[in-house]
Amino acid sequence: MNKSKKDKKKVKVKRSTAGLGLFADEPISRNDFILEYTGEQISTSEADRRGGKYLFELSDSVVIDGKGRENIARYINHSCKPNCETDTVRGRIIITARKNIQTGEELTYDYGKEYFDDFIKEAGCLCSHCLSKK
C-alpha cells in the first residue's frame, strides 16, 4: 500500500454518543482508504504491562500503542454495525470504508470480541445500532 497524506479523507473529531468520535468531513466512497492507525510499535509483553484502550494488535508479537493525540484514528468508536473496517497491510493498520459514508456521519469499526468483553460489555454498547434498539 502506498498511500500518502493527500489520499487521506478529511475527517473531524467531534462529540459522539460514546464521548469523542471521528466524523467524515466529506463524502467517502465504499472501499476508500480513510487513514492509518498510527503509534509506537511495542511488543505484546510491553502492551500487557502498559495496558490501555488504544492498543491495536499488529501481529502475534507486535502491538501499536495509539494513545498519542496525533493518531486521530484513535477517535473512531466501536459499532456493532460499522461503516469502516481495518486491515493490516505490510506492517501498517489501514482503515477503509465498508460502505458509502456521508458528510457528518460518524466513522466506526468493530473492535472485536476481546475488546468488547473487556471494555464495553459491562456498561453496555453505545453505538447507534444498539442505542436504537433500546
Protein backbone atom coordinates (compact mmCIF):
# COMPACT_ATOMS: atom_id res chain seq x y z
CA MET A 1 0.00 0.00 0.00
CA ASN A 2 1.41 3.36 -0.95
CA LYS A 3 -1.00 5.89 0.48
CA SER A 4 0.12 9.45 1.11
CA LYS A 5 -1.32 12.24 3.22
CA LYS A 6 -3.17 13.55 0.15
CA ASP A 7 -5.03 10.21 -0.10
CA LYS A 8 -6.42 10.62 3.43
CA LYS A 9 -10.04 11.59 3.70
CA LYS A 10 -10.99 14.75 5.53
CA VAL A 11 -12.26 13.87 8.98
CA LYS A 12 -13.04 15.79 12.17
CA VAL A 13 -13.03 14.92 15.88
CA LYS A 14 -16.38 15.83 17.47
CA ARG A 15 -18.67 14.76 20.30
CA SER A 16 -20.46 11.45 19.85
CA THR A 17 -22.72 9.21 21.93
CA ALA A 18 -19.61 7.43 23.25
CA GLY A 19 -17.62 10.58 24.10
CA LEU A 20 -15.43 11.87 21.28
CA GLY A 21 -15.68 10.37 17.82
CA LEU A 22 -14.30 10.80 14.32
CA PHE A 23 -16.67 12.10 11.66
CA ALA A 24 -16.49 12.38 7.88
CA ASP A 25 -15.90 15.95 6.73
CA GLU A 26 -16.57 14.94 3.12
CA PRO A 27 -18.37 12.04 1.39
CA ILE A 28 -16.36 8.81 1.47
CA SER A 29 -16.96 6.04 -1.07
CA ARG A 30 -17.09 2.33 -0.30
CA ASN A 31 -13.60 0.77 -0.20
CA ASP A 32 -11.86 4.18 0.02
CA PHE A 33 -8.75 4.43 2.19
CA ILE A 34 -9.59 6.77 5.08
CA LEU A 35 -6.49 6.87 7.28
CA GLU A 36 -3.91 4.79 9.11
CA TYR A 37 -3.90 3.80 12.80
CA THR A 38 -0.51 5.01 13.99
CA GLY A 39 1.60 4.96 17.11
CA GLU A 40 4.58 3.39 18.81
CA GLN A 41 5.21 -0.25 17.89
CA ILE A 42 5.80 -2.28 21.04
CA SER A 43 5.99 -5.96 21.99
CA THR A 44 2.89 -7.79 23.20
CA SER A 45 4.53 -8.19 26.62
CA GLU A 46 5.12 -4.43 26.82
CA ALA A 47 1.49 -3.86 25.75
CA ASP A 48 0.32 -6.19 28.54
CA ARG A 49 2.46 -4.25 31.01
CA ARG A 50 1.19 -0.83 29.86
CA GLY A 51 -2.45 -1.73 29.37
CA GLY A 52 -4.76 0.89 27.91
CA LYS A 53 -7.57 1.29 25.44
CA TYR A 54 -5.58 2.35 22.38
CA LEU A 55 -3.57 -0.85 21.86
CA PHE A 56 -4.06 -2.35 18.40
CA GLU A 57 -2.59 -5.78 17.65
CA LEU A 58 -0.47 -5.69 14.51
CA SER A 59 0.74 -9.31 14.76
CA ASP A 60 1.19 -12.04 17.36
CA SER A 61 4.26 -10.24 18.71
CA VAL A 62 3.76 -6.54 17.85
CA VAL A 63 1.17 -4.04 19.07
CA ILE A 64 0.65 -0.41 18.09
CA ASP A 65 0.15 1.88 21.08
CA GLY A 66 -2.03 4.56 19.52
CA LYS A 67 -2.54 6.68 22.62
CA GLY A 68 -0.86 9.77 21.14
CA ARG A 69 -3.25 12.54 20.12
CA GLU A 70 -1.60 12.77 16.69
CA ASN A 71 -3.23 9.38 15.98
CA ILE A 72 -6.69 10.69 15.18
CA ALA A 73 -7.77 7.16 14.20
CA ARG A 74 -7.97 6.51 17.96
CA TYR A 75 -11.20 8.52 17.96
CA ILE A 76 -13.01 6.01 15.74
CA ASN A 77 -15.55 4.35 18.01
CA HIS A 78 -16.81 0.77 18.11
CA SER A 79 -20.03 -0.21 16.39
CA CYS A 80 -21.87 -3.50 16.12
CA LYS A 81 -22.86 -2.35 12.59
CA PRO A 82 -19.71 -0.50 11.46
CA ASN A 83 -19.19 1.59 8.34
CA CYS A 84 -15.38 1.08 8.32
CA GLU A 85 -13.00 -1.84 8.60
CA THR A 86 -9.36 -2.30 9.49
CA ASP A 87 -6.75 -4.32 7.70
CA THR A 88 -3.06 -5.00 8.23
CA VAL A 89 -1.06 -4.24 5.09
CA ARG A 90 2.75 -4.50 5.10
CA GLY A 91 3.04 -3.76 8.80
CA ARG A 92 0.52 -0.93 8.81
CA ILE A 93 -3.07 -0.78 10.04
CA ILE A 94 -5.27 0.90 7.49
CA ILE A 95 -8.88 1.94 7.82
CA THR A 96 -11.18 1.81 4.82
CA ALA A 97 -14.88 2.42 4.21
CA ARG A 98 -17.13 -0.67 4.20
CA LYS A 99 -19.91 1.35 2.59
CA ASN A 100 -20.57 4.87 1.31
CA ILE A 101 -20.28 7.34 4.16
CA GLN A 102 -21.98 10.74 4.09
CA THR A 103 -20.53 14.05 5.29
CA GLY A 104 -21.17 14.35 9.04
CA GLU A 105 -21.52 10.59 9.60
CA GLU A 106 -19.51 9.08 12.47
CA LEU A 107 -16.79 6.62 11.46
CA THR A 108 -16.95 3.27 13.28
CA TYR A 109 -15.47 -0.21 13.16
CA ASP A 110 -15.95 -3.40 15.17
CA TYR A 111 -13.30 -3.53 17.92
CA GLY A 112 -13.59 -7.30 18.22
CA LYS A 113 -14.86 -9.66 20.90
CA GLU A 114 -11.92 -9.39 23.32
CA TYR A 115 -12.03 -5.57 23.48
CA PHE A 116 -15.84 -5.61 23.63
CA ASP A 117 -15.82 -8.06 26.55
CA ASP A 118 -13.03 -6.22 28.42
CA PHE A 119 -14.17 -2.60 27.99
CA ILE A 120 -17.70 -2.26 26.57
CA LYS A 121 -19.94 -5.15 27.59
CA GLU A 122 -20.39 -4.31 31.29
CA ALA A 123 -21.51 -0.71 30.72
CA GLY A 124 -23.37 -1.53 27.51
CA CYS A 125 -22.67 -0.66 23.91
CA LEU A 126 -23.27 2.96 22.94
CA CYS A 127 -23.16 2.51 19.16
CA SER A 128 -26.12 3.93 17.22
CA HIS A 129 -27.26 0.42 16.27
CA CYS A 130 -27.51 -0.71 19.90
CA LEU A 131 -28.94 2.61 21.13
CA SER A 132 -31.70 2.39 18.53
CA LYS A 133 -32.78 -0.99 19.97
CA LYS A 134 -33.33 0.46 23.47
